[in-house]
Amino acid sequence: MAPPPPPPPCRRCKSRCASSLATSTLFGIYFESSFLHAAIVPCNVRSEFNKLTGDSMTFEDPGGPYTMEVEKGRNMTQVGGDGWVRFIAHMRITGGEFISFSFRAERPKLAMIYVNKEEDDEDDEDDDDPLGEAIVAQRMRLSEEEVCNLWDIIPPRADFVGVPFVTRLTSTMVDRHIMKLPKSLSKSCGIKPDEEGSAGIRLTARGSVTTCAYGVDTDGRTHFNSVGWKIFFVGKNLHVGQAILITIRNTHRPGLRMMVVIDII
């Protein structure tokens, strides 16, 4: 029997605050068009967040620091100002991206992550709708432990290109050996339309490298050759349902256009 669907996003904060495991020191939002000038803090962490912060806060990288204004209210708290607008512009955020706020270190930090909106289907009707993508993206939800692990394994910004990508392994990826990178991720990494080449794939930055051919489909997604992707899985103990982080790295290895590093969250 399938589990019941999660509750819809809150009309006030636009997040799934009713079922969220977020805390005042570690929470995230899915960006949508209404957050261009300010983001709304999820309702379930607003009260504690208000106690934690002043009228402004400074976040470290990527591309920062960014000093943002905090507008507190009993019913709504927003993070915005020129620093927020600069962060959105610098990261080229359009919709559907997951922005994680961490206050666990001495200085607050931000991380922007592309979260897979797809379950195990090939339906891309919403790909050109940023707002729809922002809503559908919430089907891929991370547990509190996974979010903490994610912060621990995201590499320094200088180590990768484009945007980190979080997804869960599906039967399409594991059993049918079909793996595609979203159009937004491909564009952020500088992968060009109609591009073809060879990539290295490795489990963690120190794992053995599997060479895999890739190409870009007419829909803009980058697909990996099924033979190479299948070889990569051999002996890895990867299974359906695991949450993984994918980062694209530059490489000097002869014959490889890029290095795809996969970490289990």
C-alpha atoms as a PDB file:
ATOM      1  CA  MET A   1       0.000   0.000   0.000  1.00  0.00           C
ATOM      2  CA  ALA A   2       1.452   3.355  -1.038  1.00  0.00           C
ATOM      3  CA  PRO A   3       2.130   5.888   1.735  1.00  0.00           C
ATOM      4  CA  PRO A   4      -0.240   8.865   1.902  1.00  0.00           C
ATOM      5  CA  PRO A   5       0.901  11.925  -0.073  1.00  0.00           C
ATOM      6  CA  PRO A   6       2.586  14.704   1.951  1.00  0.00           C
ATOM      7  CA  PRO A   7       0.479  17.728   2.873  1.00  0.00           C
ATOM      8  CA  PRO A   8       0.462  20.593   0.345  1.00  0.00           C
ATOM      9  CA  PRO A   9       2.818  23.562   0.790  1.00  0.00           C
ATOM     10  CA  CYS A  10       1.720  26.088   3.392  1.00  0.00           C
ATOM     11  CA  ARG A  11      -0.085  29.071   1.859  1.00  0.00           C
ATOM     12  CA  ARG A  12       1.804  31.441   4.148  1.00  0.00           C
ATOM     13  CA  CYS A  13       5.447  30.288   3.963  1.00  0.00           C
ATOM     14  CA  LYS A  14       5.221  28.193   0.742  1.00  0.00           C
ATOM     15  CA  SER A  15       7.040  25.290   2.475  1.00  0.00           C
ATOM     16  CA  ARG A  16       5.723  21.985   3.795  1.00  0.00           C
ATOM     17  CA  CYS A  17       6.109  23.268   7.350  1.00  0.00           C
ATOM     18  CA  ALA A  18       3.366  21.017   8.770  1.00  0.00           C
ATOM     19  CA  SER A  19       5.449  17.880   8.181  1.00  0.00           C
ATOM     20  CA  SER A  20       8.944  19.409   8.114  1.00  0.00           C
ATOM     21  CA  LEU A  21      11.820  18.100  10.240  1.00  0.00           C
ATOM     22  CA  ALA A  22      13.657  21.413   9.881  1.00  0.00           C
ATOM     23  CA  THR A  23      15.106  23.227  12.892  1.00  0.00           C
ATOM     24  CA  SER A  24      15.920  26.882  13.523  1.00  0.00           C
ATOM     25  CA  THR A  25      19.614  26.161  12.901  1.00  0.00           C
ATOM     26  CA  LEU A  26      19.207  24.024   9.767  1.00  0.00           C
ATOM     27  CA  PHE A  27      16.374  24.459   7.295  1.00  0.00           C
ATOM     28  CA  GLY A  28      15.790  24.912   3.605  1.00  0.00           C
ATOM     29  CA  ILE A  29      13.348  26.362   1.116  1.00  0.00           C
ATOM     30  CA  TYR A  30      12.527  25.586  -2.485  1.00  0.00           C
ATOM     31  CA  PHE A  31      12.950  28.769  -4.486  1.00  0.00           C
ATOM     32  CA  GLU A  32      10.003  30.113  -6.422  1.00  0.00           C
ATOM     33  CA  SER A  33       9.327  33.342  -8.300  1.00  0.00           C
ATOM     34  CA  SER A  34       7.715  35.078  -5.304  1.00  0.00           C
ATOM     35  CA  PHE A  35      11.059  34.817  -3.447  1.00  0.00           C
ATOM     36  CA  LEU A  36      12.948  37.101  -5.856  1.00  0.00           C
ATOM     37  CA  HIS A  37      13.306  39.864  -3.260  1.00  0.00           C
ATOM     38  CA  ALA A  38      12.871  37.954   0.002  1.00  0.00           C
ATOM     39  CA  ALA A  39      12.499  34.378   1.238  1.00  0.00           C
ATOM     40  CA  ILE A  40       9.928  33.353   3.830  1.00  0.00           C
ATOM     41  CA  VAL A  41      11.213  31.403   6.831  1.00  0.00           C
ATOM     42  CA  PRO A  42       9.168  28.187   7.317  1.00  0.00           C
ATOM     43  CA  CYS A  43       6.415  28.604   9.913  1.00  0.00           C
ATOM     44  CA  ASN A  44       7.589  25.729  12.107  1.00  0.00           C
ATOM     45  CA  VAL A  45      11.002  27.333  12.758  1.00  0.00           C
ATOM     46  CA  ARG A  46      10.000  31.032  12.680  1.00  0.00           C
ATOM     47  CA  SER A  47       9.715  31.607  16.438  1.00  0.00           C
ATOM     48  CA  GLU A  48      13.117  30.077  17.298  1.00  0.00           C
ATOM     49  CA  PHE A  49      14.705  31.678  14.240  1.00  0.00           C
ATOM     50  CA  ASN A  50      13.529  35.099  15.401  1.00  0.00           C
ATOM     51  CA  LYS A  51      15.288  34.583  18.736  1.00  0.00           C
ATOM     52  CA  LEU A  52      18.464  33.467  16.982  1.00  0.00           C
ATOM     53  CA  THR A  53      18.884  36.444  14.672  1.00  0.00           C
ATOM     54  CA  GLY A  54      18.951  40.226  14.725  1.00  0.00           C
ATOM     55  CA  ASP A  55      17.770  42.684  12.088  1.00  0.00           C
ATOM     56  CA  SER A  56      20.440  41.473   9.664  1.00  0.00           C
ATOM     57  CA  MET A  57      22.762  38.512   9.170  1.00  0.00           C
ATOM     58  CA  THR A  58      25.822  37.793   7.066  1.00  0.00           C
ATOM     59  CA  PHE A  59      26.169  34.509   5.205  1.00  0.00           C
ATOM     60  CA  GLU A  60      29.408  33.033   3.928  1.00  0.00           C
ATOM     61  CA  ASP A  61      29.974  31.733   0.377  1.00  0.00           C
ATOM     62  CA  PRO A  62      29.166  30.782  -2.344  1.00  0.00           C
ATOM     63  CA  GLY A  63      30.304  34.068  -3.900  1.00  0.00           C
ATOM     64  CA  GLY A  64      29.717  35.982  -0.672  1.00  0.00           C
ATOM     65  CA  PRO A  65      29.710  37.146   1.937  1.00  0.00           C
ATOM     66  CA  TYR A  66      26.094  38.321   1.697  1.00  0.00           C
ATOM     67  CA  THR A  67      24.551  40.592   4.324  1.00  0.00           C
ATOM     68  CA  MET A  68      20.782  40.161   4.349  1.00  0.00           C
ATOM     69  CA  GLU A  69      17.989  41.962   6.130  1.00  0.00           C
ATOM     70  CA  VAL A  70      15.661  40.075   8.471  1.00  0.00           C
ATOM     71  CA  GLU A  71      12.091  41.325   8.724  1.00  0.00           C
ATOM     72  CA  LYS A  72      10.480  39.644  11.711  1.00  0.00           C
ATOM     73  CA  GLY A  73       6.802  39.253  12.358  1.00  0.00           C
ATOM     74  CA  ARG A  74       4.545  37.198  14.569  1.00  0.00           C
ATOM     75  CA  ASN A  75       2.965  35.561  11.538  1.00  0.00           C
ATOM     76  CA  MET A  76       5.785  35.792   8.991  1.00  0.00           C
ATOM     77  CA  THR A  77       9.552  36.324   8.925  1.00  0.00           C
ATOM     78  CA  GLN A  78      11.421  37.140   5.732  1.00  0.00           C
ATOM     79  CA  VAL A  79      15.093  37.190   4.752  1.00  0.00           C
ATOM     80  CA  GLY A  80      15.815  39.641   1.960  1.00  0.00           C
ATOM     81  CA  GLY A  81      17.380  42.950   1.013  1.00  0.00           C
ATOM     82  CA  ASP A  82      20.186  43.721  -1.414  1.00  0.00           C
ATOM     83  CA  GLY A  83      22.275  40.781  -0.164  1.00  0.00           C
ATOM     84  CA  TRP A  84      19.510  38.300  -0.980  1.00  0.00           C
ATOM     85  CA  VAL A  85      18.962  39.811  -4.441  1.00  0.00           C
ATOM     86  CA  ARG A  86      22.708  39.645  -5.117  1.00  0.00           C
ATOM     87  CA  PHE A  87      22.831  35.994  -4.016  1.00  0.00           C
ATOM     88  CA  ILE A  88      19.924  35.086  -6.320  1.00  0.00           C
ATOM     89  CA  ALA A  89      21.540  36.892  -9.252  1.00  0.00           C
ATOM     90  CA  HIS A  90      25.020  35.471  -8.614  1.00  0.00           C
ATOM     91  CA  MET A  91      23.749  31.895  -8.405  1.00  0.00           C
ATOM     92  CA  ARG A  92      21.373  32.390 -11.369  1.00  0.00           C
ATOM     93  CA  ILE A  93      18.489  30.927  -9.420  1.00  0.00           C
ATOM     94  CA  THR A  94      15.256  30.690 -11.405  1.00  0.00           C
ATOM     95  CA  GLY A  95      13.007  28.169  -9.651  1.00  0.00           C
ATOM     96  CA  GLY A  96      13.026  24.675  -8.191  1.00  0.00           C
ATOM     97  CA  GLU A  97      16.433  24.972  -6.534  1.00  0.00           C
ATOM     98  CA  PHE A  98      16.763  24.017  -2.863  1.00  0.00           C
ATOM     99  CA  ILE A  99      18.439  26.706  -0.746  1.00  0.00           C
ATOM    100  CA  SER A 100      19.744  25.414   2.567  1.00  0.00           C
ATOM    101  CA  PHE A 101      20.369  27.727   5.535  1.00  0.00           C
ATOM    102  CA  SER A 102      22.793  26.545   8.210  1.00  0.00           C
ATOM    103  CA  PHE A 103      23.463  28.292  11.513  1.00  0.00           C
ATOM    104  CA  ARG A 104      25.434  25.452  13.076  1.00  0.00           C
ATOM    105  CA  ALA A 105      28.868  27.021  12.472  1.00  0.00           C
ATOM    106  CA  GLU A 106      30.282  30.279  13.826  1.00  0.00           C
ATOM    107  CA  ARG A 107      29.167  32.104  10.662  1.00  0.00           C
ATOM    108  CA  PRO A 108      25.851  31.333   8.942  1.00  0.00           C
ATOM    109  CA  LYS A 109      26.185  29.552   5.604  1.00  0.00           C
ATOM    110  CA  LEU A 110      24.090  29.145   2.478  1.00  0.00           C
ATOM    111  CA  ALA A 111      24.146  26.301  -0.029  1.00  0.00           C
ATOM    112  CA  MET A 112      22.200  26.117  -3.268  1.00  0.00           C
ATOM    113  CA  ILE A 113      21.389  22.627  -4.506  1.00  0.00           C
ATOM    114  CA  TYR A 114      19.485  21.399  -7.546  1.00  0.00           C
ATOM    115  CA  VAL A 115      17.045  18.803  -6.218  1.00  0.00           C
ATOM    116  CA  ASN A 116      15.606  16.241  -8.616  1.00  0.00           C
ATOM    117  CA  LYS A 117      11.915  16.831  -9.184  1.00  0.00           C
ATOM    118  CA  GLU A 118      11.334  13.492 -10.892  1.00  0.00           C
ATOM    119  CA  GLU A 119      10.393  10.242  -9.231  1.00  0.00           C
ATOM    120  CA  ASP A 120      10.767   7.407 -11.705  1.00  0.00           C
ATOM    121  CA  ASP A 121       9.072   8.720 -14.807  1.00  0.00           C
ATOM    122  CA  GLU A 122      10.043  10.429 -18.010  1.00  0.00           C
ATOM    123  CA  ASP A 123       7.342  13.106 -17.953  1.00  0.00           C
ATOM    124  CA  ASP A 124       8.899  16.522 -18.566  1.00  0.00           C
ATOM    125  CA  GLU A 125       5.831  18.622 -19.253  1.00  0.00           C
ATOM    126  CA  ASP A 126       6.703  21.038 -16.427  1.00  0.00           C
ATOM    127  CA  ASP A 127      10.378  21.580 -17.353  1.00  0.00           C
ATOM    128  CA  ASP A 128       9.785  25.114 -18.647  1.00  0.00           C
ATOM    129  CA  ASP A 129       7.611  26.196 -15.730  1.00  0.00           C
ATOM    130  CA  PRO A 130       9.824  27.444 -12.849  1.00  0.00           C
ATOM    131  CA  LEU A 131       6.916  27.761 -10.427  1.00  0.00           C
ATOM    132  CA  GLY A 132       5.631  24.292 -11.258  1.00  0.00           C
ATOM    133  CA  GLU A 133       9.148  22.958 -10.870  1.00  0.00           C
ATOM    134  CA  ALA A 134       9.486  24.611  -7.463  1.00  0.00           C
ATOM    135  CA  ILE A 135       6.338  22.877  -6.255  1.00  0.00           C
ATOM    136  CA  VAL A 136       6.970  19.467  -7.811  1.00  0.00           C
ATOM    137  CA  ALA A 137      10.556  19.458  -6.536  1.00  0.00           C
ATOM    138  CA  GLN A 138       9.217  18.964  -3.044  1.00  0.00           C
ATOM    139  CA  ARG A 139       8.374  15.348  -3.862  1.00  0.00           C
ATOM    140  CA  MET A 140      12.083  14.682  -3.316  1.00  0.00           C
ATOM    141  CA  ARG A 141      12.305  15.301   0.424  1.00  0.00           C
ATOM    142  CA  LEU A 142      15.343  14.754   2.592  1.00  0.00           C
ATOM    143  CA  SER A 143      15.177  13.581   6.187  1.00  0.00           C
ATOM    144  CA  GLU A 144      16.768  15.652   8.944  1.00  0.00           C
ATOM    145  CA  GLU A 145      19.697  13.211   9.067  1.00  0.00           C
ATOM    146  CA  GLU A 146      20.155  13.404   5.292  1.00  0.00           C
ATOM    147  CA  VAL A 147      20.193  17.217   5.341  1.00  0.00           C
ATOM    148  CA  CYS A 148      22.871  17.148   8.067  1.00  0.00           C
ATOM    149  CA  ASN A 149      24.884  14.598   6.083  1.00  0.00           C
ATOM    150  CA  LEU A 150      24.505  16.734   2.962  1.00  0.00           C
ATOM    151  CA  TRP A 151      26.117  19.705   4.659  1.00  0.00           C
ATOM    152  CA  ASP A 152      28.993  17.467   5.738  1.00  0.00           C
ATOM    153  CA  ILE A 153      29.757  16.155   2.244  1.00  0.00           C
ATOM    154  CA  ILE A 154      29.231  19.210   0.000  1.00  0.00           C
ATOM    155  CA  PRO A 155      32.746  19.984  -1.267  1.00  0.00           C
ATOM    156  CA  PRO A 156      34.261  23.481  -1.242  1.00  0.00           C
ATOM    157  CA  ARG A 157      32.814  25.672  -4.007  1.00  0.00           C
ATOM    158  CA  ALA A 158      36.156  25.771  -5.866  1.00  0.00           C
ATOM    159  CA  ASP A 159      36.138  21.966  -6.244  1.00  0.00           C
ATOM    160  CA  PHE A 160      33.180  21.700  -8.619  1.00  0.00           C
ATOM    161  CA  VAL A 161      31.460  23.499 -11.478  1.00  0.00           C
ATOM    162  CA  GLY A 162      27.793  24.335 -11.841  1.00  0.00           C
ATOM    163  CA  VAL A 163      25.287  23.379  -9.185  1.00  0.00           C
ATOM    164  CA  PRO A 164      25.333  20.375  -6.813  1.00  0.00           C
ATOM    165  CA  PHE A 165      22.536  17.935  -7.666  1.00  0.00           C
ATOM    166  CA  VAL A 166      20.599  15.812  -5.183  1.00  0.00           C
ATOM    167  CA  THR A 167      18.414  12.902  -6.237  1.00  0.00           C
ATOM    168  CA  ARG A 168      17.325   9.452  -5.121  1.00  0.00           C
ATOM    169  CA  LEU A 169      18.351   6.379  -7.049  1.00  0.00           C
ATOM    170  CA  THR A 170      15.339   5.024  -8.898  1.00  0.00           C
ATOM    171  CA  SER A 171      14.683   1.694 -10.578  1.00  0.00           C
ATOM    172  CA  THR A 172      15.208   3.486 -13.892  1.00  0.00           C
ATOM    173  CA  MET A 173      18.752   4.349 -12.825  1.00  0.00           C
ATOM    174  CA  VAL A 174      19.576   1.092 -11.032  1.00  0.00           C
ATOM    175  CA  ASP A 175      17.753  -1.622 -12.991  1.00  0.00           C
ATOM    176  CA  ARG A 176      17.337  -0.078 -16.445  1.00  0.00           C
ATOM    177  CA  HIS A 177      20.707   1.714 -16.297  1.00  0.00           C
ATOM    178  CA  ILE A 178      19.288   5.000 -17.569  1.00  0.00           C
ATOM    179  CA  MET A 179      20.786   8.119 -16.045  1.00  0.00           C
ATOM    180  CA  LYS A 180      20.133  11.677 -17.168  1.00  0.00           C
ATOM    181  CA  LEU A 181      21.185  15.026 -15.733  1.00  0.00           C
ATOM    182  CA  PRO A 182      18.509  17.768 -15.766  1.00  0.00           C
ATOM    183  CA  LYS A 183      18.723  20.545 -18.319  1.00  0.00           C
ATOM    184  CA  SER A 184      19.277  23.181 -15.620  1.00  0.00           C
ATOM    185  CA  LEU A 185      22.207  21.246 -14.187  1.00  0.00           C
ATOM    186  CA  SER A 186      23.732  20.636 -17.611  1.00  0.00           C
ATOM    187  CA  LYS A 187      23.544  24.331 -18.468  1.00  0.00           C
ATOM    188  CA  SER A 188      25.064  25.370 -15.136  1.00  0.00           C
ATOM    189  CA  CYS A 189      28.055  23.093 -15.833  1.00  0.00           C
ATOM    190  CA  GLY A 190      28.645  24.524 -19.292  1.00  0.00           C
ATOM    191  CA  ILE A 191      27.539  21.389 -21.154  1.00  0.00           C
ATOM    192  CA  LYS A 192      26.506  22.565 -24.614  1.00  0.00           C
ATOM    193  CA  PRO A 193      23.510  21.437 -26.702  1.00  0.00           C
ATOM    194  CA  ASP A 194      24.384  18.485 -28.958  1.00  0.00           C
ATOM    195  CA  GLU A 195      27.607  17.941 -27.003  1.00  0.00           C
ATOM    196  CA  GLU A 196      29.045  14.415 -26.944  1.00  0.00           C
ATOM    197  CA  GLY A 197      32.067  13.112 -25.109  1.00  0.00           C
ATOM    198  CA  SER A 198      33.393  10.910 -22.339  1.00  0.00           C
ATOM    199  CA  ALA A 199      33.110  11.501 -18.609  1.00  0.00           C
ATOM    200  CA  GLY A 200      34.667   9.824 -15.629  1.00  0.00           C
ATOM    201  CA  ILE A 201      32.268   8.600 -12.938  1.00  0.00           C
ATOM    202  CA  ARG A 202      33.435   7.779  -9.435  1.00  0.00           C
ATOM    203  CA  LEU A 203      31.899   7.046  -6.046  1.00  0.00           C
ATOM    204  CA  THR A 204      33.446   9.714  -3.784  1.00  0.00           C
ATOM    205  CA  ALA A 205      36.299  11.915  -4.934  1.00  0.00           C
ATOM    206  CA  ARG A 206      38.819   9.130  -4.217  1.00  0.00           C
ATOM    207  CA  GLY A 207      36.963   6.206  -5.779  1.00  0.00           C
ATOM    208  CA  SER A 208      37.987   4.309  -8.886  1.00  0.00           C
ATOM    209  CA  VAL A 209      37.038   5.943 -12.190  1.00  0.00           C
ATOM    210  CA  THR A 210      34.629   4.422 -14.710  1.00  0.00           C
ATOM    211  CA  THR A 211      34.726   5.935 -18.200  1.00  0.00           C
ATOM    212  CA  CYS A 212      31.276   6.569 -19.631  1.00  0.00           C
ATOM    213  CA  ALA A 213      30.177   8.173 -22.891  1.00  0.00           C
ATOM    214  CA  TYR A 214      27.522  10.868 -22.715  1.00  0.00           C
ATOM    215  CA  GLY A 215      25.452  13.046 -25.016  1.00  0.00           C
ATOM    216  CA  VAL A 216      22.863  15.794 -24.796  1.00  0.00           C
ATOM    217  CA  ASP A 217      19.273  14.981 -25.790  1.00  0.00           C
ATOM    218  CA  THR A 218      17.034  17.320 -27.752  1.00  0.00           C
ATOM    219  CA  ASP A 219      15.303  18.233 -24.463  1.00  0.00           C
ATOM    220  CA  GLY A 220      18.599  19.551 -23.060  1.00  0.00           C
ATOM    221  CA  ARG A 221      19.223  16.740 -20.596  1.00  0.00           C
ATOM    222  CA  THR A 222      22.589  14.991 -20.517  1.00  0.00           C
ATOM    223  CA  HIS A 223      22.292  11.195 -20.755  1.00  0.00           C
ATOM    224  CA  PHE A 224      24.984   8.659 -19.906  1.00  0.00           C
ATOM    225  CA  ASN A 225      25.667   5.576 -21.995  1.00  0.00           C
ATOM    226  CA  SER A 226      23.849   2.651 -20.353  1.00  0.00           C
ATOM    227  CA  VAL A 227      26.828   0.290 -20.684  1.00  0.00           C
ATOM    228  CA  GLY A 228      29.204   2.629 -18.852  1.00  0.00           C
ATOM    229  CA  TRP A 229      26.594   3.476 -16.230  1.00  0.00           C
ATOM    230  CA  LYS A 230      25.939  -0.230 -15.620  1.00  0.00           C
ATOM    231  CA  ILE A 231      29.667  -0.912 -15.215  1.00  0.00           C
ATOM    232  CA  PHE A 232      29.902   1.898 -12.667  1.00  0.00           C
ATOM    233  CA  PHE A 233      27.314   0.144 -10.459  1.00  0.00           C
ATOM    234  CA  VAL A 234      29.261  -3.128 -10.259  1.00  0.00           C
ATOM    235  CA  GLY A 235      30.393  -3.798  -6.680  1.00  0.00           C
ATOM    236  CA  LYS A 236      29.127  -0.465  -5.352  1.00  0.00           C
ATOM    237  CA  ASN A 237      26.211  -1.665  -3.183  1.00  0.00           C
ATOM    238  CA  LEU A 238      24.011   1.133  -4.499  1.00  0.00           C
ATOM    239  CA  HIS A 239      20.268   0.540  -4.386  1.00  0.00           C
ATOM    240  CA  VAL A 240      16.915   2.100  -5.167  1.00  0.00           C
ATOM    241  CA  GLY A 241      15.874   4.793  -2.690  1.00  0.00           C
ATOM    242  CA  GLN A 242      19.344   5.980  -1.674  1.00  0.00           C
ATOM    243  CA  ALA A 243      19.780   9.735  -1.692  1.00  0.00           C
ATOM    244  CA  ILE A 244      22.906  10.816  -3.552  1.00  0.00           C
ATOM    245  CA  LEU A 245      24.793  14.042  -4.202  1.00  0.00           C
ATOM    246  CA  ILE A 246      26.246  14.555  -7.682  1.00  0.00           C
ATOM    247  CA  THR A 247      28.912  17.173  -8.362  1.00  0.00           C
ATOM    248  CA  ILE A 248      30.632  17.830 -11.675  1.00  0.00           C
ATOM    249  CA  ARG A 249      34.385  18.446 -11.495  1.00  0.00           C
ATOM    250  CA  ASN A 250      36.976  19.541 -14.015  1.00  0.00           C
ATOM    251  CA  THR A 251      39.585  16.912 -14.814  1.00  0.00           C
ATOM    252  CA  HIS A 252      42.982  16.730 -16.502  1.00  0.00           C
ATOM    253  CA  ARG A 253      42.628  13.027 -17.322  1.00  0.00           C
ATOM    254  CA  PRO A 254      43.255  12.432 -21.042  1.00  0.00           C
ATOM    255  CA  GLY A 255      40.103  11.837 -23.060  1.00  0.00           C
ATOM    256  CA  LEU A 256      37.675  12.936 -20.321  1.00  0.00           C
ATOM    257  CA  ARG A 257      35.603  16.095 -20.601  1.00  0.00           C
ATOM    258  CA  MET A 258      34.534  16.058 -16.944  1.00  0.00           C
ATOM    259  CA  MET A 259      34.494  14.017 -13.745  1.00  0.00           C
ATOM    260  CA  VAL A 260      31.154  13.088 -12.196  1.00  0.00           C
ATOM    261  CA  VAL A 261      31.491  12.465  -8.460  1.00  0.00           C
ATOM    262  CA  ILE A 262      28.694  10.687  -6.609  1.00  0.00           C
ATOM    263  CA  ASP A 263      28.418  10.701  -2.818  1.00  0.00           C
ATOM    264  CA  ILE A 264      25.855   8.793  -0.775  1.00  0.00           C
ATOM    265  CA  ILE A 265      23.983  11.157   1.535  1.00  0.00           C
END
